Amino acid sequence: QRPPVGFVRDFVVEHSGDHRGHLNLKAGGLVPIASLGRWIAIVTGDDRGSTITRLHRGHAAGLLTRDETDTLVRAFEYIYALVLGNEISAIRNNAAGSTTWIAPKELDILTRRYLREAFRAVANVQNRLDSEWVARLP
């Protein structure tokens, strides 16, 4: 079952509940990029290294273009930095726990724009790979 979602400034966010108006940086950003890294590990037969190492390996194997690789690496690092910033803020404010949820409306324009473009870039790579690899199936 998919949780109900809505849109805030072109972001898909939770529509109700504790995370209303927020998006999950881990589920929406980090996991899809890490999943691409895992897929590359399977296709290349080499599961060593971090997500970033695997993305570079994907380029070396001809699975990703240089632009896709650079974009995914930067997106992963950027989203990870936002998550880490949230965790640091939670510690400083003695919050009950850290979270990977963020409210897009609370971000400055440049951060929102970069995050939106990062999510789009990930979706574009996923769509390209999906269509190319599905076409290879008998």
N, C-alpha and C. Protein backbone atom coordinates (compact mmCIF):
# COMPACT_ATOMS: atom_id res chain seq x y z
N GLN A 1 0.84 -1.18 0.00
CA GLN A 1 0.00 0.00 0.00
C GLN A 1 0.89 1.24 0.00
N ARG A 2 0.62 2.19 -0.93
CA ARG A 2 1.38 3.43 -1.01
C ARG A 2 0.74 4.47 -0.09
N PRO A 3 1.57 5.18 0.68
CA PRO A 3 0.98 6.25 1.53
C PRO A 3 0.44 7.37 0.68
N PRO A 4 -0.57 8.11 1.16
CA PRO A 4 -1.09 9.22 0.36
C PRO A 4 -0.05 10.32 0.24
N VAL A 5 0.04 10.88 -0.97
CA VAL A 5 1.03 11.93 -1.20
C VAL A 5 0.37 13.11 -1.90
N GLY A 6 1.02 14.25 -1.84
CA GLY A 6 0.57 15.45 -2.53
C GLY A 6 1.78 16.14 -3.12
N PHE A 7 1.59 17.32 -3.70
CA PHE A 7 2.69 18.05 -4.31
C PHE A 7 2.89 19.38 -3.60
N VAL A 8 4.15 19.69 -3.30
CA VAL A 8 4.53 21.00 -2.77
C VAL A 8 5.70 21.46 -3.62
N ARG A 9 5.47 22.51 -4.40
CA ARG A 9 6.53 23.07 -5.24
C ARG A 9 7.22 22.00 -6.08
N ASP A 10 6.43 21.18 -6.75
CA ASP A 10 6.90 20.11 -7.64
C ASP A 10 7.51 18.92 -6.91
N PHE A 11 7.43 18.85 -5.62
CA PHE A 11 7.91 17.70 -4.88
C PHE A 11 6.73 16.83 -4.49
N VAL A 12 6.93 15.54 -4.50
CA VAL A 12 5.92 14.63 -4.00
C VAL A 12 6.13 14.51 -2.50
N VAL A 13 5.13 14.91 -1.74
CA VAL A 13 5.25 14.91 -0.29
C VAL A 13 4.09 14.14 0.32
N GLU A 14 4.23 13.80 1.58
CA GLU A 14 3.16 13.12 2.30
C GLU A 14 1.96 14.06 2.41
N HIS A 15 0.80 13.51 2.20
CA HIS A 15 -0.42 14.31 2.20
C HIS A 15 -1.06 14.39 3.59
N SER A 16 -0.77 13.41 4.43
CA SER A 16 -1.37 13.38 5.77
C SER A 16 -0.41 12.70 6.74
N GLY A 17 -0.79 12.68 7.98
CA GLY A 17 0.00 12.00 9.01
C GLY A 17 1.09 12.88 9.58
N ASP A 18 1.99 12.23 10.32
CA ASP A 18 3.06 12.95 11.01
C ASP A 18 4.00 13.69 10.06
N HIS A 19 4.12 13.20 8.84
CA HIS A 19 5.06 13.79 7.88
C HIS A 19 4.37 14.59 6.79
N ARG A 20 3.19 15.10 7.10
CA ARG A 20 2.42 15.89 6.12
C ARG A 20 3.26 17.06 5.62
N GLY A 21 3.34 17.20 4.29
CA GLY A 21 4.09 18.29 3.68
C GLY A 21 5.59 18.06 3.63
N HIS A 22 6.04 16.87 4.00
CA HIS A 22 7.46 16.54 4.00
C HIS A 22 7.75 15.46 2.95
N LEU A 23 9.02 15.41 2.54
CA LEU A 23 9.45 14.31 1.69
C LEU A 23 10.59 13.59 2.38
N ASN A 24 10.71 12.31 2.06
CA ASN A 24 11.72 11.47 2.68
C ASN A 24 12.96 11.44 1.80
N LEU A 25 14.02 12.10 2.25
CA LEU A 25 15.25 12.17 1.47
C LEU A 25 15.89 10.79 1.28
N LYS A 26 15.74 9.94 2.26
CA LYS A 26 16.32 8.60 2.14
C LYS A 26 15.56 7.79 1.09
N ALA A 27 14.25 7.70 1.24
CA ALA A 27 13.45 6.89 0.32
C ALA A 27 13.40 7.50 -1.08
N GLY A 28 13.34 8.82 -1.16
CA GLY A 28 13.18 9.47 -2.45
C GLY A 28 14.48 9.77 -3.17
N GLY A 29 15.58 9.81 -2.45
CA GLY A 29 16.85 10.19 -3.07
C GLY A 29 17.98 9.21 -2.88
N LEU A 30 18.28 8.88 -1.63
CA LEU A 30 19.43 8.01 -1.37
C LEU A 30 19.19 6.57 -1.82
N VAL A 31 18.03 6.04 -1.50
CA VAL A 31 17.75 4.63 -1.84
C VAL A 31 17.74 4.40 -3.35
N PRO A 32 17.09 5.25 -4.15
CA PRO A 32 17.13 5.00 -5.60
C PRO A 32 18.55 5.03 -6.18
N ILE A 33 19.39 5.93 -5.69
CA ILE A 33 20.76 5.99 -6.19
C ILE A 33 21.55 4.77 -5.72
N ALA A 34 21.38 4.41 -4.45
CA ALA A 34 22.06 3.22 -3.93
C ALA A 34 21.58 1.97 -4.67
N SER A 35 20.31 1.93 -5.03
CA SER A 35 19.77 0.79 -5.79
C SER A 35 20.41 0.70 -7.17
N LEU A 36 20.63 1.85 -7.80
CA LEU A 36 21.35 1.84 -9.08
C LEU A 36 22.76 1.29 -8.89
N GLY A 37 23.40 1.67 -7.79
CA GLY A 37 24.72 1.14 -7.48
C GLY A 37 24.69 -0.37 -7.28
N ARG A 38 23.66 -0.86 -6.62
CA ARG A 38 23.53 -2.32 -6.42
C ARG A 38 23.29 -3.03 -7.74
N TRP A 39 22.48 -2.42 -8.59
CA TRP A 39 22.21 -3.00 -9.90
C TRP A 39 23.51 -3.09 -10.70
N ILE A 40 24.32 -2.03 -10.65
CA ILE A 40 25.61 -2.04 -11.33
C ILE A 40 26.49 -3.16 -10.79
N ALA A 41 26.47 -3.34 -9.46
CA ALA A 41 27.26 -4.42 -8.84
C ALA A 41 26.83 -5.78 -9.39
N ILE A 42 25.54 -5.98 -9.56
CA ILE A 42 25.03 -7.25 -10.08
C ILE A 42 25.44 -7.44 -11.54
N VAL A 43 25.23 -6.40 -12.35
CA VAL A 43 25.53 -6.50 -13.77
C VAL A 43 27.02 -6.71 -14.02
N THR A 44 27.86 -6.02 -13.26
CA THR A 44 29.30 -6.13 -13.46
C THR A 44 29.91 -7.32 -12.72
N GLY A 45 29.15 -7.89 -11.80
CA GLY A 45 29.68 -9.01 -11.02
C GLY A 45 30.69 -8.58 -9.97
N ASP A 46 30.68 -7.31 -9.61
CA ASP A 46 31.63 -6.77 -8.63
C ASP A 46 30.87 -5.94 -7.61
N ASP A 47 30.72 -6.50 -6.40
CA ASP A 47 29.93 -5.81 -5.38
C ASP A 47 30.79 -5.04 -4.38
N ARG A 48 32.05 -4.87 -4.70
CA ARG A 48 32.93 -4.14 -3.78
C ARG A 48 32.64 -2.65 -3.83
N GLY A 49 32.96 -1.98 -2.75
CA GLY A 49 32.94 -0.53 -2.72
C GLY A 49 31.62 0.09 -2.34
N SER A 50 31.67 1.41 -2.26
CA SER A 50 30.51 2.21 -1.87
C SER A 50 29.61 2.45 -3.08
N THR A 51 28.50 3.10 -2.84
CA THR A 51 27.60 3.49 -3.92
C THR A 51 28.35 4.32 -4.95
N ILE A 52 29.13 5.28 -4.51
CA ILE A 52 29.85 6.15 -5.43
C ILE A 52 30.86 5.35 -6.26
N THR A 53 31.57 4.44 -5.63
CA THR A 53 32.52 3.57 -6.35
C THR A 53 31.78 2.75 -7.40
N ARG A 54 30.62 2.24 -7.04
CA ARG A 54 29.84 1.43 -7.98
C ARG A 54 29.32 2.25 -9.15
N LEU A 55 28.93 3.51 -8.89
CA LEU A 55 28.49 4.37 -9.97
C LEU A 55 29.62 4.61 -10.97
N HIS A 56 30.82 4.86 -10.46
CA HIS A 56 31.98 5.03 -11.35
C HIS A 56 32.26 3.74 -12.12
N ARG A 57 32.09 2.61 -11.48
CA ARG A 57 32.27 1.32 -12.14
C ARG A 57 31.23 1.16 -13.25
N GLY A 58 30.03 1.68 -13.01
CA GLY A 58 28.98 1.64 -14.03
C GLY A 58 29.38 2.42 -15.27
N HIS A 59 30.04 3.54 -15.08
CA HIS A 59 30.52 4.31 -16.23
C HIS A 59 31.62 3.53 -16.95
N ALA A 60 32.55 2.98 -16.19
CA ALA A 60 33.65 2.22 -16.79
C ALA A 60 33.14 1.02 -17.59
N ALA A 61 32.01 0.45 -17.16
CA ALA A 61 31.43 -0.71 -17.85
C ALA A 61 30.50 -0.29 -18.98
N GLY A 62 30.33 1.01 -19.20
CA GLY A 62 29.47 1.47 -20.27
C GLY A 62 27.98 1.45 -19.93
N LEU A 63 27.66 1.29 -18.65
CA LEU A 63 26.25 1.26 -18.23
C LEU A 63 25.69 2.67 -18.02
N LEU A 64 26.56 3.60 -17.63
CA LEU A 64 26.18 4.99 -17.40
C LEU A 64 27.08 5.90 -18.24
N THR A 65 26.53 7.01 -18.69
CA THR A 65 27.36 8.00 -19.36
C THR A 65 28.17 8.75 -18.30
N ARG A 66 29.16 9.49 -18.74
CA ARG A 66 29.95 10.30 -17.80
C ARG A 66 29.05 11.31 -17.12
N ASP A 67 28.16 11.96 -17.89
CA ASP A 67 27.26 12.95 -17.32
C ASP A 67 26.32 12.31 -16.29
N GLU A 68 25.77 11.15 -16.60
CA GLU A 68 24.89 10.47 -15.65
C GLU A 68 25.64 10.12 -14.37
N THR A 69 26.85 9.61 -14.53
CA THR A 69 27.66 9.23 -13.38
C THR A 69 27.94 10.45 -12.50
N ASP A 70 28.42 11.52 -13.10
CA ASP A 70 28.73 12.73 -12.34
C ASP A 70 27.49 13.29 -11.65
N THR A 71 26.37 13.28 -12.36
CA THR A 71 25.13 13.80 -11.79
C THR A 71 24.66 12.95 -10.63
N LEU A 72 24.70 11.64 -10.78
CA LEU A 72 24.26 10.75 -9.70
C LEU A 72 25.17 10.86 -8.48
N VAL A 73 26.48 10.95 -8.71
CA VAL A 73 27.42 11.09 -7.59
C VAL A 73 27.16 12.39 -6.85
N ARG A 74 27.01 13.49 -7.59
CA ARG A 74 26.76 14.78 -6.94
C ARG A 74 25.42 14.79 -6.21
N ALA A 75 24.40 14.19 -6.83
CA ALA A 75 23.08 14.13 -6.19
C ALA A 75 23.16 13.33 -4.90
N PHE A 76 23.85 12.19 -4.94
CA PHE A 76 23.98 11.34 -3.74
C PHE A 76 24.69 12.11 -2.64
N GLU A 77 25.79 12.77 -2.97
CA GLU A 77 26.54 13.53 -1.97
C GLU A 77 25.70 14.69 -1.42
N TYR A 78 24.96 15.36 -2.27
CA TYR A 78 24.16 16.50 -1.85
C TYR A 78 23.02 16.07 -0.93
N ILE A 79 22.31 15.04 -1.33
CA ILE A 79 21.19 14.55 -0.52
C ILE A 79 21.71 14.00 0.81
N TYR A 80 22.82 13.29 0.76
CA TYR A 80 23.42 12.77 1.99
C TYR A 80 23.80 13.91 2.92
N ALA A 81 24.33 15.00 2.37
CA ALA A 81 24.69 16.16 3.19
C ALA A 81 23.45 16.79 3.83
N LEU A 82 22.33 16.82 3.11
CA LEU A 82 21.09 17.34 3.69
C LEU A 82 20.61 16.46 4.84
N VAL A 83 20.70 15.14 4.66
CA VAL A 83 20.31 14.21 5.73
C VAL A 83 21.21 14.41 6.94
N LEU A 84 22.51 14.50 6.70
CA LEU A 84 23.46 14.70 7.79
C LEU A 84 23.20 16.02 8.50
N GLY A 85 22.90 17.07 7.74
CA GLY A 85 22.57 18.36 8.34
C GLY A 85 21.35 18.28 9.23
N ASN A 86 20.34 17.52 8.80
CA ASN A 86 19.15 17.31 9.62
C ASN A 86 19.49 16.60 10.92
N GLU A 87 20.36 15.60 10.82
CA GLU A 87 20.75 14.85 12.02
C GLU A 87 21.52 15.74 12.99
N ILE A 88 22.42 16.55 12.47
CA ILE A 88 23.19 17.46 13.33
C ILE A 88 22.26 18.46 14.00
N SER A 89 21.31 18.98 13.23
CA SER A 89 20.33 19.92 13.78
C SER A 89 19.51 19.27 14.88
N ALA A 90 19.11 18.02 14.67
CA ALA A 90 18.32 17.31 15.68
C ALA A 90 19.12 17.14 16.96
N ILE A 91 20.40 16.83 16.84
CA ILE A 91 21.26 16.66 18.02
C ILE A 91 21.40 18.00 18.76
N ARG A 92 21.65 19.07 18.00
CA ARG A 92 21.83 20.38 18.61
C ARG A 92 20.57 20.87 19.32
N ASN A 93 19.41 20.50 18.78
CA ASN A 93 18.13 20.93 19.36
C ASN A 93 17.54 19.92 20.33
N ASN A 94 18.34 18.91 20.70
CA ASN A 94 17.90 17.86 21.61
C ASN A 94 16.58 17.24 21.17
N ALA A 95 16.44 17.07 19.85
CA ALA A 95 15.22 16.45 19.31
C ALA A 95 15.20 14.98 19.68
N ALA A 96 14.02 14.40 19.68
CA ALA A 96 13.84 13.01 20.08
C ALA A 96 14.62 12.04 19.21
N GLY A 97 14.76 12.35 17.95
CA GLY A 97 15.51 11.47 17.06
C GLY A 97 15.77 12.15 15.73
N SER A 98 16.72 11.61 15.02
CA SER A 98 17.02 12.19 13.72
C SER A 98 15.98 11.72 12.71
N THR A 99 15.92 12.41 11.61
CA THR A 99 14.93 12.08 10.60
C THR A 99 15.49 12.33 9.21
N THR A 100 14.99 11.60 8.25
CA THR A 100 15.36 11.83 6.86
C THR A 100 14.27 12.59 6.13
N TRP A 101 13.25 13.03 6.88
CA TRP A 101 12.15 13.81 6.32
C TRP A 101 12.49 15.28 6.32
N ILE A 102 12.10 15.98 5.25
CA ILE A 102 12.37 17.40 5.15
C ILE A 102 11.17 18.09 4.48
N ALA A 103 10.90 19.30 4.90
CA ALA A 103 9.80 20.07 4.32
C ALA A 103 10.37 20.97 3.22
N PRO A 104 10.04 20.71 1.96
CA PRO A 104 10.58 21.53 0.88
C PRO A 104 10.28 23.01 1.04
N LYS A 105 9.12 23.35 1.60
CA LYS A 105 8.77 24.77 1.74
C LYS A 105 9.67 25.49 2.74
N GLU A 106 10.41 24.75 3.56
CA GLU A 106 11.32 25.36 4.52
C GLU A 106 12.73 25.54 3.96
N LEU A 107 12.96 25.07 2.74
CA LEU A 107 14.28 25.19 2.11
C LEU A 107 14.36 26.48 1.30
N ASP A 108 15.57 27.00 1.15
CA ASP A 108 15.74 28.19 0.31
C ASP A 108 15.57 27.78 -1.15
N ILE A 109 15.39 28.76 -2.01
CA ILE A 109 15.09 28.51 -3.42
C ILE A 109 16.16 27.67 -4.11
N LEU A 110 17.43 27.99 -3.89
CA LEU A 110 18.50 27.24 -4.56
C LEU A 110 18.55 25.79 -4.10
N THR A 111 18.38 25.57 -2.81
CA THR A 111 18.38 24.20 -2.29
C THR A 111 17.21 23.42 -2.87
N ARG A 112 16.04 24.04 -2.89
CA ARG A 112 14.85 23.38 -3.47
C ARG A 112 15.09 23.03 -4.94
N ARG A 113 15.62 24.00 -5.68
CA ARG A 113 15.86 23.79 -7.11
C ARG A 113 16.86 22.67 -7.33
N TYR A 114 17.95 22.67 -6.58
CA TYR A 114 18.97 21.64 -6.74
C TYR A 114 18.42 20.27 -6.37
N LEU A 115 17.67 20.21 -5.29
CA LEU A 115 17.08 18.94 -4.85
C LEU A 115 16.09 18.42 -5.89
N ARG A 116 15.26 19.30 -6.42
CA ARG A 116 14.29 18.91 -7.46
C ARG A 116 15.02 18.38 -8.69
N GLU A 117 16.08 19.06 -9.11
CA GLU A 117 16.85 18.61 -10.27
C GLU A 117 17.56 17.29 -10.00
N ALA A 118 18.03 17.10 -8.78
CA ALA A 118 18.67 15.84 -8.42
C ALA A 118 17.67 14.69 -8.52
N PHE A 119 16.46 14.89 -8.01
CA PHE A 119 15.43 13.85 -8.10
C PHE A 119 15.07 13.56 -9.55
N ARG A 120 14.97 14.62 -10.37
CA ARG A 120 14.66 14.43 -11.79
C ARG A 120 15.77 13.66 -12.51
N ALA A 121 17.01 13.99 -12.18
CA ALA A 121 18.14 13.31 -12.82
C ALA A 121 18.13 11.82 -12.49
N VAL A 122 17.87 11.49 -11.25
CA VAL A 122 17.79 10.08 -10.85
C VAL A 122 16.68 9.38 -11.62
N ALA A 123 15.51 10.02 -11.70
CA ALA A 123 14.37 9.43 -12.42
C ALA A 123 14.70 9.25 -13.90
N ASN A 124 15.39 10.21 -14.50
CA ASN A 124 15.76 10.09 -15.91
C ASN A 124 16.69 8.90 -16.16
N VAL A 125 17.68 8.73 -15.30
CA VAL A 125 18.59 7.58 -15.45
C VAL A 125 17.82 6.28 -15.24
N GLN A 126 16.98 6.23 -14.22
CA GLN A 126 16.18 5.03 -13.99
C GLN A 126 15.32 4.70 -15.21
N ASN A 127 14.66 5.70 -15.77
CA ASN A 127 13.81 5.48 -16.94
C ASN A 127 14.60 4.99 -18.14
N ARG A 128 15.77 5.59 -18.38
CA ARG A 128 16.60 5.16 -19.51
C ARG A 128 17.04 3.72 -19.34
N LEU A 129 17.54 3.40 -18.16
CA LEU A 129 18.01 2.04 -17.92
C LEU A 129 16.87 1.03 -17.98
N ASP A 130 15.73 1.43 -17.43
CA ASP A 130 14.57 0.54 -17.45
C ASP A 130 14.16 0.21 -18.88
N SER A 131 14.06 1.23 -19.72
CA SER A 131 13.63 0.98 -21.10
C SER A 131 14.68 0.19 -21.88
N GLU A 132 15.95 0.48 -21.67
CA GLU A 132 17.00 -0.25 -22.38
C GLU A 132 17.08 -1.70 -21.95
N TRP A 133 16.99 -1.94 -20.65
CA TRP A 133 17.14 -3.31 -20.17
C TRP A 133 15.89 -4.14 -20.38
N VAL A 134 14.73 -3.53 -20.32
CA VAL A 134 13.49 -4.26 -20.61
C VAL A 134 13.48 -4.68 -22.08
N ALA A 135 14.01 -3.83 -22.95
CA ALA A 135 14.08 -4.15 -24.39
C ALA A 135 14.96 -5.37 -24.66
N ARG A 136 15.88 -5.66 -23.76
CA ARG A 136 16.78 -6.81 -23.93
C ARG A 136 16.14 -8.14 -23.55
N LEU A 137 15.03 -8.06 -22.84
CA LEU A 137 14.37 -9.29 -22.40
C LEU A 137 13.69 -9.97 -23.57
N PRO A 138 13.69 -11.32 -23.56
CA PRO A 138 13.06 -12.04 -24.67
C PRO A 138 11.56 -11.89 -24.69
